[in-house]
Amino acid sequence: MSIYYQDETITLHHGKAQEVARTLPDGSVDCIVTSPPYYMLRDYGSEGQYGIEPTLAAYVENMRELFYELRRVLADDGTLWLNLGDSYNKMKQLQGVPWRVAFALQDDWWVLRNDIVWHKPNAMPESVTDRLTCRYEHFFMFSKSRNYHFDLDPIREELIYPDAADGSRVFGGKNKAGDLQTGSSARRTGNTYGGKYAPEDKARPADGSRHTGGHAKGKNPGDMWSINTQPFPGAHSAVMPQELARRAIVAGCKPDGTVLDPFSGSGTTGLVAQNNGRKYVGIDISADYLKLSLETRLQNAALDFGPR
């Protein structure tokens, strides 16, 4: 048996992700949120680990085989959220690892719904001088079919001017008589399409959210997410930010559903799943990381006061 720990809300498995996945029942999880080891960036010192394959092609194939198995484990209306970073080879060539993996999954009938750009405002500086510093990673959203569970409301962005959500300031509306200006007059005063803006009102967003109406609960956050990296005072050196995991879980996993992370690591996905009313199944090849996650996060998730 691969079960390392189990209670009412958590099941942790010790073993290689693909081998454990073969033992999991069909359709037993509602959402997969994970960040696999990136190719040739770290050696975690575990036999059989992912990320240190002799070739990039071998890494991509291992990812394909793993998610082929996990596709069976995922419910028919489930989603997969996959965070991957890129790497360079010895010839200083950017290898395009995230997209190579994404294309391989597409070939295995996964439906790629979004390429979310995770922008890292506090990204670590790099010592390179012959290229630009990378400040983003990919966060792919896949589904098994055309129809799947997705709840946009929990991740909507708050409207800066919620009074415009009913559309009353769009092209006149109830304010038409006093607000509508066009041409050079609008450019001078800052007024556009019926919304009255004083000349000093310079904070109007480019997406028009303050004057084009929208959903009363907020606007669609789009596919570029600015989220700070989040350190974890433990042995794990690469930790997914809780906010990144939260958005995937509350949007992609039905209430009271089960979230799976086949690379559980420090337990970020599990912590966020519990804090948002979901069950959690985690897999890790390292018993040390499973022990660490239990001692620091998972068993006391409700008491975690770390950054959100």
Protein backbone atom coordinates (compact mmCIF):
# COMPACT_ATOMS: atom_id res chain seq x y z
CA MET A 1 0.00 0.00 0.00
CA SER A 2 1.25 3.50 -0.85
CA ILE A 3 -0.84 5.34 1.76
CA TYR A 4 1.42 7.36 4.02
CA TYR A 5 -1.31 9.17 5.98
CA GLN A 6 -5.10 9.35 5.86
CA ASP A 7 -7.91 11.06 7.73
CA GLU A 8 -11.35 12.46 6.84
CA THR A 9 -10.03 15.17 4.52
CA ILE A 10 -6.47 14.17 3.59
CA THR A 11 -4.91 11.17 1.90
CA LEU A 12 -1.16 11.19 1.30
CA HIS A 13 0.57 8.58 -0.85
CA HIS A 14 4.28 7.82 -0.77
CA GLY A 15 5.71 6.74 -4.11
CA LYS A 16 6.39 7.73 -7.70
CA ALA A 17 3.46 9.68 -9.10
CA GLN A 18 2.69 7.44 -12.06
CA GLU A 19 2.92 4.22 -10.05
CA VAL A 20 0.59 5.56 -7.37
CA ALA A 21 -1.78 6.95 -10.00
CA ARG A 22 -2.29 3.46 -11.40
CA THR A 23 -3.78 2.41 -8.04
CA LEU A 24 -6.30 5.25 -7.81
CA PRO A 25 -9.95 4.64 -8.81
CA ASP A 26 -11.45 6.01 -12.00
CA GLY A 27 -13.01 9.45 -11.61
CA SER A 28 -12.04 9.69 -7.95
CA VAL A 29 -10.85 13.33 -7.97
CA ASP A 30 -12.56 16.47 -9.22
CA CYS A 31 -9.56 18.68 -9.92
CA ILE A 32 -5.79 18.35 -10.33
CA VAL A 33 -3.59 21.29 -9.32
CA THR A 34 0.14 20.70 -9.54
CA SER A 35 3.60 22.00 -10.32
CA PRO A 36 5.93 19.15 -11.40
CA PRO A 37 9.70 19.37 -10.97
CA TYR A 38 11.02 21.56 -13.77
CA TYR A 39 13.39 19.97 -16.24
CA MET A 40 17.07 19.98 -15.18
CA LEU A 41 16.67 22.68 -12.53
CA ARG A 42 16.88 20.75 -9.25
CA ASP A 43 17.94 17.35 -7.99
CA TYR A 44 15.78 16.42 -5.01
CA GLY A 45 17.87 13.39 -4.24
CA SER A 46 15.09 10.82 -4.69
CA GLU A 47 15.53 7.76 -6.87
CA GLY A 48 13.14 7.78 -9.80
CA GLN A 49 12.32 11.47 -9.49
CA TYR A 50 11.04 13.54 -12.37
CA GLY A 51 13.05 16.42 -13.81
CA ILE A 52 16.48 14.82 -14.23
CA GLU A 53 15.78 12.69 -17.30
CA PRO A 54 18.74 12.36 -19.69
CA THR A 55 16.91 14.20 -22.48
CA LEU A 56 14.13 16.74 -22.79
CA ALA A 57 12.19 14.28 -24.93
CA ALA A 58 12.30 11.75 -22.08
CA TYR A 59 11.00 14.36 -19.62
CA VAL A 60 8.12 15.29 -21.91
CA GLU A 61 7.25 11.62 -22.41
CA ASN A 62 7.25 11.00 -18.66
CA MET A 63 4.89 13.94 -18.19
CA ARG A 64 2.64 12.66 -20.97
CA GLU A 65 2.48 9.16 -19.48
CA LEU A 66 1.73 10.49 -16.01
CA PHE A 67 -1.12 12.73 -17.10
CA TYR A 68 -2.47 10.03 -19.39
CA GLU A 69 -2.97 7.93 -16.25
CA LEU A 70 -4.29 10.86 -14.23
CA ARG A 71 -6.84 11.64 -16.93
CA ARG A 72 -8.53 8.36 -15.99
CA VAL A 73 -8.45 9.32 -12.29
CA LEU A 74 -10.03 12.73 -12.97
CA ALA A 75 -13.82 13.04 -13.07
CA ASP A 76 -15.33 13.61 -16.51
CA ASP A 77 -16.21 17.20 -15.59
CA GLY A 78 -12.86 17.84 -13.90
CA THR A 79 -10.02 20.20 -14.76
CA LEU A 80 -6.22 20.04 -14.65
CA TRP A 81 -4.16 23.08 -13.68
CA LEU A 82 -0.50 22.62 -14.57
CA ASN A 83 2.23 25.08 -13.57
CA LEU A 84 5.52 24.72 -15.47
CA GLY A 85 8.61 26.86 -15.83
CA ASP A 86 11.13 26.81 -18.66
CA SER A 87 14.87 26.14 -18.70
CA TYR A 88 17.96 26.62 -20.87
CA ASN A 89 20.29 23.96 -22.26
CA LYS A 90 24.09 24.05 -22.47
CA MET A 91 23.93 25.97 -25.73
CA LYS A 92 22.00 28.74 -23.92
CA GLN A 93 18.88 27.75 -25.84
CA LEU A 94 15.50 28.39 -24.20
CA GLN A 95 13.88 24.98 -24.57
CA GLY A 96 10.17 25.74 -24.55
CA VAL A 97 9.51 23.00 -21.98
CA PRO A 98 6.01 24.13 -20.90
CA TRP A 99 4.68 24.21 -24.42
CA ARG A 100 6.30 20.90 -25.38
CA VAL A 101 4.48 19.29 -22.44
CA ALA A 102 1.23 21.09 -23.28
CA PHE A 103 1.35 19.88 -26.89
CA ALA A 104 2.03 16.32 -25.72
CA LEU A 105 -1.05 16.44 -23.49
CA GLN A 106 -3.13 17.80 -26.35
CA ASP A 107 -2.05 14.78 -28.39
CA ASP A 108 -3.41 12.62 -25.57
CA TRP A 109 -6.87 14.23 -25.87
CA TRP A 110 -6.54 16.79 -23.13
CA VAL A 111 -8.37 20.03 -24.05
CA LEU A 112 -6.17 23.08 -23.48
CA ARG A 113 -8.52 25.85 -22.32
CA ASN A 114 -6.13 28.52 -21.07
CA ASP A 115 -2.48 29.45 -21.00
CA ILE A 116 -2.41 31.65 -17.90
CA VAL A 117 0.69 33.77 -17.52
CA TRP A 118 1.79 33.87 -13.89
CA HIS A 119 3.62 37.18 -13.60
CA LYS A 120 5.95 37.30 -10.59
CA PRO A 121 6.36 40.95 -9.46
CA ASN A 122 8.99 39.94 -6.90
CA ALA A 123 10.88 37.52 -9.15
CA MET A 124 14.43 36.81 -8.09
CA PRO A 125 17.04 38.75 -10.09
CA GLU A 126 19.27 36.79 -12.46
CA SER A 127 22.97 37.36 -13.01
CA VAL A 128 22.75 37.11 -16.80
CA THR A 129 23.76 40.08 -18.94
CA ASP A 130 23.10 38.79 -22.47
CA ARG A 131 19.33 38.27 -22.18
CA LEU A 132 16.36 39.58 -20.23
CA THR A 133 15.36 38.30 -16.81
CA CYS A 134 12.35 35.97 -16.86
CA ARG A 135 9.49 37.16 -14.66
CA TYR A 136 6.71 34.74 -15.55
CA GLU A 137 5.71 31.09 -15.74
CA HIS A 138 2.93 29.23 -17.51
CA PHE A 139 -0.16 27.93 -15.69
CA PHE A 140 -2.11 25.76 -18.11
CA MET A 141 -5.76 24.89 -17.61
CA PHE A 142 -6.92 21.64 -19.25
CA SER A 143 -10.23 19.81 -19.29
CA LYS A 144 -11.23 16.29 -20.31
CA SER A 145 -14.15 17.37 -22.44
CA ARG A 146 -16.11 20.34 -23.77
CA ASN A 147 -18.27 20.46 -20.65
CA TYR A 148 -16.61 20.76 -17.25
CA HIS A 149 -17.03 22.40 -13.86
CA PHE A 150 -15.81 25.99 -13.80
CA ASP A 151 -16.97 28.72 -11.42
CA LEU A 152 -15.77 32.17 -12.40
CA ASP A 153 -17.43 34.05 -9.53
CA PRO A 154 -14.90 33.24 -6.74
CA ILE A 155 -12.02 34.67 -8.77
CA ARG A 156 -13.69 37.71 -10.28
CA GLU A 157 -11.86 41.00 -9.78
CA GLU A 158 -13.66 43.70 -7.85
CA LEU A 159 -15.00 46.50 -10.02
CA ILE A 160 -13.28 49.81 -9.38
CA TYR A 161 -16.60 51.57 -9.95
CA PRO A 162 -19.33 49.03 -9.10
CA ASP A 163 -22.03 51.62 -9.79
CA ALA A 164 -21.28 51.11 -13.48
CA ALA A 165 -22.02 47.37 -13.38
CA ASP A 166 -25.65 47.85 -14.42
CA GLY A 167 -24.54 49.44 -17.66
CA SER A 168 -26.14 52.79 -16.80
CA ARG A 169 -22.98 54.66 -17.73
CA VAL A 170 -22.53 52.89 -21.05
CA PHE A 171 -23.26 54.97 -24.14
CA GLY A 172 -25.47 57.40 -22.29
CA GLY A 173 -27.77 55.21 -20.22
CA LYS A 174 -29.56 57.18 -17.52
CA ASN A 175 -26.74 59.73 -17.56
CA LYS A 176 -26.92 60.31 -21.29
CA ALA A 177 -28.14 63.89 -21.22
CA GLY A 178 -25.42 65.19 -18.98
CA ASP A 179 -22.54 62.86 -19.74
CA LEU A 180 -22.30 62.11 -23.43
CA GLN A 181 -19.46 63.89 -25.17
CA THR A 182 -17.62 63.03 -28.32
CA GLY A 183 -14.63 64.07 -30.39
CA SER A 184 -12.17 66.70 -29.25
CA SER A 185 -14.36 67.74 -26.32
CA ALA A 186 -14.18 64.23 -24.87
CA ARG A 187 -10.43 64.10 -25.35
CA ARG A 188 -9.96 67.40 -23.53
CA THR A 189 -12.06 66.47 -20.51
CA GLY A 190 -11.32 62.77 -20.30
CA ASN A 191 -14.98 61.87 -20.94
CA THR A 192 -15.61 58.75 -23.06
CA TYR A 193 -18.77 57.03 -24.24
CA GLY A 194 -21.12 58.70 -21.84
CA GLY A 195 -19.05 58.29 -18.67
CA LYS A 196 -18.20 61.61 -16.96
CA TYR A 197 -14.58 61.81 -15.83
CA ALA A 198 -12.97 64.96 -14.47
CA PRO A 199 -9.62 65.97 -16.00
CA GLU A 200 -7.86 64.90 -12.81
CA ASP A 201 -9.32 61.39 -13.04
CA LYS A 202 -6.21 59.77 -14.55
CA ALA A 203 -6.60 56.31 -13.05
CA ARG A 204 -9.12 55.05 -15.61
CA PRO A 205 -8.03 51.48 -16.52
CA ALA A 206 -7.30 50.65 -20.13
CA ASP A 207 -9.73 47.72 -20.11
CA GLY A 208 -12.66 50.09 -19.72
CA SER A 209 -13.93 48.46 -16.52
CA ARG A 210 -14.97 51.83 -15.12
CA HIS A 211 -17.25 52.86 -17.93
CA THR A 212 -18.35 49.88 -20.00
CA GLY A 213 -20.49 48.07 -17.46
CA GLY A 214 -19.97 44.43 -16.46
CA HIS A 215 -21.00 41.67 -14.10
CA ALA A 216 -22.23 42.84 -10.71
CA LYS A 217 -19.89 40.39 -8.93
CA GLY A 218 -16.81 41.70 -10.69
CA LYS A 219 -14.94 41.25 -13.91
CA ASN A 220 -13.21 38.25 -15.45
CA PRO A 221 -9.59 38.36 -14.19
CA GLY A 222 -8.17 37.45 -17.57
CA ASP A 223 -5.23 35.19 -18.28
CA MET A 224 -2.39 37.23 -16.77
CA TRP A 225 -2.13 36.89 -12.98
CA SER A 226 0.34 39.01 -11.00
CA ILE A 227 1.07 37.01 -7.85
CA ASN A 228 4.15 37.29 -5.69
CA THR A 229 6.29 34.24 -5.09
CA GLN A 230 5.92 32.97 -1.55
CA PRO A 231 8.80 31.53 0.49
CA PHE A 232 8.28 28.54 2.73
CA PRO A 233 10.53 28.14 5.79
CA GLY A 234 11.17 24.47 5.20
CA ALA A 235 13.30 22.13 3.15
CA HIS A 236 11.32 22.47 -0.09
CA SER A 237 12.96 25.05 -2.34
CA ALA A 238 10.21 25.58 -4.93
CA VAL A 239 6.77 26.38 -3.53
CA MET A 240 3.60 27.28 -5.41
CA PRO A 241 2.06 30.50 -4.01
CA GLN A 242 -1.13 29.88 -2.10
CA GLU A 243 -3.01 32.46 -4.16
CA LEU A 244 -2.13 30.68 -7.40
CA ALA A 245 -3.44 27.40 -6.01
CA ARG A 246 -6.51 29.09 -4.53
CA ARG A 247 -7.69 30.51 -7.82
CA ALA A 248 -7.39 27.14 -9.52
CA ILE A 249 -9.17 25.29 -6.72
CA VAL A 250 -12.13 27.61 -6.13
CA ALA A 251 -12.71 27.98 -9.88
CA GLY A 252 -11.94 24.43 -10.99
CA CYS A 253 -13.09 22.17 -8.14
CA LYS A 254 -16.73 21.83 -7.18
CA PRO A 255 -17.63 22.58 -3.53
CA ASP A 256 -16.93 19.58 -1.28
CA GLY A 257 -14.93 18.03 -4.14
CA THR A 258 -11.48 16.43 -4.06
CA VAL A 259 -8.24 18.01 -5.27
CA LEU A 260 -5.21 15.96 -6.30
CA ASP A 261 -1.57 17.04 -6.45
CA PRO A 262 0.73 14.28 -7.77
CA PHE A 263 3.76 16.35 -6.65
CA SER A 264 2.58 17.27 -3.18
CA GLY A 265 5.89 18.65 -1.89
CA SER A 266 5.38 21.10 0.96
CA GLY A 267 1.60 20.66 0.78
CA THR A 268 0.53 24.07 -0.57
CA THR A 269 -2.25 22.60 -2.71
CA GLY A 270 -3.50 20.54 0.23
CA LEU A 271 -3.46 23.49 2.60
CA VAL A 272 -5.44 25.66 0.19
CA ALA A 273 -7.87 22.82 -0.60
CA GLN A 274 -8.69 22.36 3.08
CA ASN A 275 -9.01 26.09 3.71
CA ASN A 276 -11.58 26.21 0.91
CA GLY A 277 -13.68 23.21 1.93
CA ARG A 278 -12.21 20.59 -0.41
CA LYS A 279 -10.68 17.18 0.31
CA TYR A 280 -7.09 16.52 -0.71
CA VAL A 281 -5.10 13.66 -2.20
CA GLY A 282 -1.35 14.19 -2.39
CA ILE A 283 1.45 12.06 -3.85
CA ASP A 284 5.15 12.52 -3.28
CA ILE A 285 8.22 10.40 -3.91
CA SER A 286 9.88 11.78 -0.77
CA ALA A 287 8.72 10.61 2.64
CA ASP A 288 10.63 13.55 4.13
CA TYR A 289 8.44 16.05 2.26
CA LEU A 290 5.27 14.21 3.26
CA LYS A 291 6.38 14.34 6.89
CA LEU A 292 7.28 18.02 6.57
CA SER A 293 3.92 18.93 5.03
CA LEU A 294 2.03 17.14 7.80
CA GLU A 295 4.03 18.81 10.53
CA THR A 296 3.81 22.31 9.11
CA ARG A 297 0.64 22.60 7.04
CA LEU A 298 -1.80 19.82 6.37
CA GLN A 299 -2.92 18.56 9.78
CA ASN A 300 -3.34 22.11 11.06
CA ALA A 301 -4.44 23.80 7.87
CA ALA A 302 -7.23 25.72 9.55
CA LEU A 303 -4.69 27.31 11.89
CA ASP A 304 -2.31 28.44 9.16
CA PHE A 305 -1.83 32.21 9.26
CA GLY A 306 0.66 32.49 6.41
CA PRO A 307 0.28 34.94 3.51
CA ARG A 308 -2.83 34.53 1.38
